[in-house]
Amino acid sequence: MTTWRPGPAPGVLLRADRVRGVDLLLLPERVVVLEGSAGEVLRLCDGTRDVPQIVRELTARHPGAPVADEVPAFLDRVRKEGWLR
């Protein structure tokens, strides 16, 4: 997975709902309300960064957080859902 450069799958958009104060994934015929830092992680998935680069960026932003353990697993789950390519 280290060479994978995650980006949104076709038809998937990440949007901030400023009224509700949440991030949303807009999918064909579906909307997913993201919890916690999921939106922050997915914003880094633009197809230019690989997974280790995303982990390094988030580790710098959140020292002491279990980024290296949680983010790759989260990205893998989102990929399996078909929301990332």
N, C-alpha and C. Protein backbone atom coordinates (compact mmCIF):
# COMPACT_ATOMS: atom_id res chain seq x y z
N MET A 1 0.82 -1.19 0.00
CA MET A 1 0.00 0.00 0.00
C MET A 1 0.86 1.26 0.00
N THR A 2 2.15 1.15 0.23
CA THR A 2 2.99 2.34 0.38
C THR A 2 3.08 3.15 -0.91
N THR A 3 2.89 2.55 -2.07
CA THR A 3 2.97 3.32 -3.31
C THR A 3 1.60 3.83 -3.75
N TRP A 4 0.57 3.45 -3.05
CA TRP A 4 -0.78 3.91 -3.37
C TRP A 4 -0.91 5.39 -3.08
N ARG A 5 -1.41 6.13 -4.05
CA ARG A 5 -1.67 7.56 -3.91
C ARG A 5 -3.18 7.76 -3.94
N PRO A 6 -3.82 7.67 -2.77
CA PRO A 6 -5.27 7.71 -2.74
C PRO A 6 -5.85 9.03 -3.22
N GLY A 7 -6.92 8.91 -3.95
CA GLY A 7 -7.68 10.06 -4.41
C GLY A 7 -9.14 9.67 -4.46
N PRO A 8 -10.03 10.62 -4.55
CA PRO A 8 -11.45 10.29 -4.57
C PRO A 8 -11.81 9.46 -5.80
N ALA A 9 -12.68 8.50 -5.59
CA ALA A 9 -13.18 7.70 -6.70
C ALA A 9 -14.05 8.59 -7.59
N PRO A 10 -14.22 8.20 -8.84
CA PRO A 10 -15.08 8.99 -9.72
C PRO A 10 -16.47 9.18 -9.11
N GLY A 11 -16.95 10.39 -9.15
CA GLY A 11 -18.28 10.71 -8.63
C GLY A 11 -18.33 10.97 -7.14
N VAL A 12 -17.18 10.92 -6.45
CA VAL A 12 -17.13 11.14 -5.01
C VAL A 12 -16.56 12.54 -4.74
N LEU A 13 -17.29 13.31 -3.94
CA LEU A 13 -16.86 14.67 -3.60
C LEU A 13 -16.85 14.83 -2.08
N LEU A 14 -15.86 15.53 -1.58
CA LEU A 14 -15.77 15.86 -0.16
C LEU A 14 -16.21 17.31 -0.01
N ARG A 15 -17.19 17.54 0.85
CA ARG A 15 -17.71 18.88 1.06
C ARG A 15 -17.87 19.16 2.55
N ALA A 16 -17.69 20.40 2.92
CA ALA A 16 -17.95 20.84 4.30
C ALA A 16 -19.37 21.37 4.37
N ASP A 17 -20.14 20.87 5.31
CA ASP A 17 -21.48 21.40 5.57
C ASP A 17 -21.33 22.41 6.69
N ARG A 18 -21.25 23.65 6.32
CA ARG A 18 -20.99 24.71 7.30
C ARG A 18 -22.17 24.92 8.25
N VAL A 19 -23.37 24.61 7.81
CA VAL A 19 -24.54 24.77 8.67
C VAL A 19 -24.49 23.77 9.82
N ARG A 20 -24.19 22.52 9.53
CA ARG A 20 -24.13 21.48 10.56
C ARG A 20 -22.75 21.34 11.19
N GLY A 21 -21.74 21.93 10.56
CA GLY A 21 -20.38 21.84 11.09
C GLY A 21 -19.76 20.46 10.94
N VAL A 22 -20.10 19.77 9.84
CA VAL A 22 -19.56 18.43 9.59
C VAL A 22 -19.04 18.35 8.16
N ASP A 23 -18.21 17.36 7.91
CA ASP A 23 -17.76 17.07 6.56
C ASP A 23 -18.64 15.97 5.98
N LEU A 24 -18.89 16.06 4.68
CA LEU A 24 -19.73 15.11 3.99
C LEU A 24 -18.99 14.52 2.80
N LEU A 25 -19.22 13.25 2.55
CA LEU A 25 -18.80 12.63 1.30
C LEU A 25 -20.05 12.51 0.45
N LEU A 26 -20.03 13.16 -0.70
CA LEU A 26 -21.16 13.08 -1.61
C LEU A 26 -20.86 11.98 -2.62
N LEU A 27 -21.70 10.95 -2.60
CA LEU A 27 -21.55 9.80 -3.48
C LEU A 27 -22.76 9.74 -4.39
N PRO A 28 -22.64 9.03 -5.49
CA PRO A 28 -23.83 8.86 -6.32
C PRO A 28 -24.97 8.26 -5.48
N GLU A 29 -26.06 9.00 -5.37
CA GLU A 29 -27.27 8.56 -4.67
C GLU A 29 -27.08 8.30 -3.18
N ARG A 30 -26.08 8.94 -2.57
CA ARG A 30 -25.83 8.71 -1.15
C ARG A 30 -24.97 9.85 -0.58
N VAL A 31 -25.19 10.16 0.68
CA VAL A 31 -24.36 11.13 1.40
C VAL A 31 -23.88 10.46 2.67
N VAL A 32 -22.58 10.57 2.94
CA VAL A 32 -21.99 10.01 4.16
C VAL A 32 -21.53 11.17 5.03
N VAL A 33 -22.02 11.21 6.26
CA VAL A 33 -21.59 12.20 7.23
C VAL A 33 -20.33 11.66 7.91
N LEU A 34 -19.25 12.40 7.78
CA LEU A 34 -17.96 11.96 8.34
C LEU A 34 -17.84 12.41 9.78
N GLU A 35 -17.23 11.56 10.58
CA GLU A 35 -17.05 11.87 12.00
C GLU A 35 -15.57 12.12 12.31
N GLY A 36 -15.36 12.83 13.39
CA GLY A 36 -14.00 13.06 13.87
C GLY A 36 -13.12 13.72 12.83
N SER A 37 -11.92 13.18 12.67
CA SER A 37 -10.94 13.77 11.76
C SER A 37 -10.97 13.14 10.37
N ALA A 38 -12.01 12.38 10.06
CA ALA A 38 -12.08 11.71 8.75
C ALA A 38 -11.97 12.70 7.59
N GLY A 39 -12.64 13.82 7.70
CA GLY A 39 -12.57 14.82 6.64
C GLY A 39 -11.17 15.37 6.46
N GLU A 40 -10.48 15.61 7.55
CA GLU A 40 -9.09 16.11 7.49
C GLU A 40 -8.20 15.10 6.77
N VAL A 41 -8.38 13.83 7.09
CA VAL A 41 -7.59 12.78 6.45
C VAL A 41 -7.91 12.72 4.96
N LEU A 42 -9.19 12.71 4.62
CA LEU A 42 -9.59 12.57 3.22
C LEU A 42 -9.21 13.78 2.38
N ARG A 43 -9.10 14.96 2.99
CA ARG A 43 -8.67 16.14 2.23
C ARG A 43 -7.23 15.98 1.71
N LEU A 44 -6.44 15.18 2.42
CA LEU A 44 -5.06 14.94 1.98
C LEU A 44 -5.00 13.90 0.86
N CYS A 45 -6.09 13.22 0.60
CA CYS A 45 -6.14 12.18 -0.44
C CYS A 45 -6.52 12.83 -1.76
N ASP A 46 -5.52 13.46 -2.38
CA ASP A 46 -5.76 14.18 -3.64
C ASP A 46 -5.09 13.51 -4.83
N GLY A 47 -4.54 12.31 -4.60
CA GLY A 47 -3.89 11.58 -5.68
C GLY A 47 -2.43 11.94 -5.89
N THR A 48 -1.92 12.91 -5.13
CA THR A 48 -0.52 13.30 -5.29
C THR A 48 0.36 12.77 -4.16
N ARG A 49 -0.24 12.53 -2.99
CA ARG A 49 0.52 12.02 -1.84
C ARG A 49 0.30 10.52 -1.71
N ASP A 50 1.37 9.80 -1.32
CA ASP A 50 1.18 8.38 -1.01
C ASP A 50 0.83 8.28 0.48
N VAL A 51 0.50 7.07 0.92
CA VAL A 51 0.04 6.88 2.29
C VAL A 51 1.09 7.32 3.32
N PRO A 52 2.37 6.97 3.16
CA PRO A 52 3.36 7.45 4.15
C PRO A 52 3.43 8.98 4.21
N GLN A 53 3.28 9.66 3.09
CA GLN A 53 3.29 11.13 3.11
C GLN A 53 2.08 11.67 3.88
N ILE A 54 0.93 11.05 3.69
CA ILE A 54 -0.27 11.46 4.43
C ILE A 54 -0.07 11.25 5.92
N VAL A 55 0.50 10.11 6.28
CA VAL A 55 0.76 9.82 7.69
C VAL A 55 1.74 10.84 8.27
N ARG A 56 2.81 11.15 7.55
CA ARG A 56 3.78 12.15 8.05
C ARG A 56 3.11 13.51 8.25
N GLU A 57 2.31 13.94 7.30
CA GLU A 57 1.63 15.23 7.41
C GLU A 57 0.73 15.26 8.64
N LEU A 58 -0.05 14.22 8.84
CA LEU A 58 -0.95 14.18 9.99
C LEU A 58 -0.21 14.03 11.31
N THR A 59 0.90 13.30 11.30
CA THR A 59 1.72 13.17 12.51
C THR A 59 2.30 14.53 12.92
N ALA A 60 2.70 15.31 11.93
CA ALA A 60 3.22 16.66 12.22
C ALA A 60 2.12 17.55 12.79
N ARG A 61 0.91 17.40 12.28
CA ARG A 61 -0.21 18.22 12.77
C ARG A 61 -0.71 17.78 14.14
N HIS A 62 -0.59 16.48 14.43
CA HIS A 62 -1.15 15.92 15.66
C HIS A 62 -0.11 15.05 16.38
N PRO A 63 0.93 15.67 16.93
CA PRO A 63 1.97 14.89 17.62
C PRO A 63 1.35 14.07 18.75
N GLY A 64 1.80 12.83 18.85
CA GLY A 64 1.33 11.96 19.91
C GLY A 64 0.07 11.17 19.58
N ALA A 65 -0.62 11.54 18.52
CA ALA A 65 -1.81 10.79 18.11
C ALA A 65 -1.38 9.50 17.41
N PRO A 66 -2.19 8.46 17.48
CA PRO A 66 -1.83 7.17 16.87
C PRO A 66 -2.06 7.14 15.35
N VAL A 67 -1.55 8.14 14.67
CA VAL A 67 -1.77 8.31 13.23
C VAL A 67 -1.24 7.13 12.44
N ALA A 68 -0.02 6.70 12.72
CA ALA A 68 0.62 5.64 11.93
C ALA A 68 -0.15 4.33 12.02
N ASP A 69 -0.85 4.10 13.13
CA ASP A 69 -1.63 2.87 13.28
C ASP A 69 -3.02 2.99 12.66
N GLU A 70 -3.65 4.14 12.83
CA GLU A 70 -5.05 4.28 12.46
C GLU A 70 -5.30 4.74 11.03
N VAL A 71 -4.50 5.65 10.51
CA VAL A 71 -4.78 6.22 9.19
C VAL A 71 -4.68 5.20 8.06
N PRO A 72 -3.63 4.38 7.97
CA PRO A 72 -3.60 3.39 6.89
C PRO A 72 -4.79 2.43 6.92
N ALA A 73 -5.20 2.02 8.12
CA ALA A 73 -6.35 1.12 8.24
C ALA A 73 -7.63 1.83 7.80
N PHE A 74 -7.78 3.10 8.19
CA PHE A 74 -8.95 3.88 7.78
C PHE A 74 -8.99 4.03 6.26
N LEU A 75 -7.86 4.38 5.66
CA LEU A 75 -7.83 4.55 4.21
C LEU A 75 -8.14 3.24 3.49
N ASP A 76 -7.66 2.14 4.03
CA ASP A 76 -7.96 0.84 3.44
C ASP A 76 -9.46 0.55 3.49
N ARG A 77 -10.10 0.85 4.62
CA ARG A 77 -11.56 0.64 4.73
C ARG A 77 -12.32 1.51 3.75
N VAL A 78 -11.91 2.77 3.63
CA VAL A 78 -12.58 3.68 2.71
C VAL A 78 -12.39 3.23 1.27
N ARG A 79 -11.21 2.72 0.98
CA ARG A 79 -10.94 2.20 -0.37
C ARG A 79 -11.84 1.00 -0.68
N LYS A 80 -11.99 0.12 0.30
CA LYS A 80 -12.85 -1.06 0.11
C LYS A 80 -14.32 -0.67 -0.08
N GLU A 81 -14.72 0.46 0.50
CA GLU A 81 -16.07 0.97 0.29
C GLU A 81 -16.25 1.52 -1.13
N GLY A 82 -15.12 1.77 -1.81
CA GLY A 82 -15.18 2.30 -3.17
C GLY A 82 -15.17 3.82 -3.23
N TRP A 83 -14.84 4.46 -2.10
CA TRP A 83 -14.85 5.92 -2.06
C TRP A 83 -13.52 6.53 -2.46
N LEU A 84 -12.46 5.72 -2.45
CA LEU A 84 -11.13 6.16 -2.91
C LEU A 84 -10.67 5.25 -4.03
N ARG A 85 -9.86 5.80 -4.91
CA ARG A 85 -9.27 4.98 -5.98
C ARG A 85 -7.81 4.78 -5.68
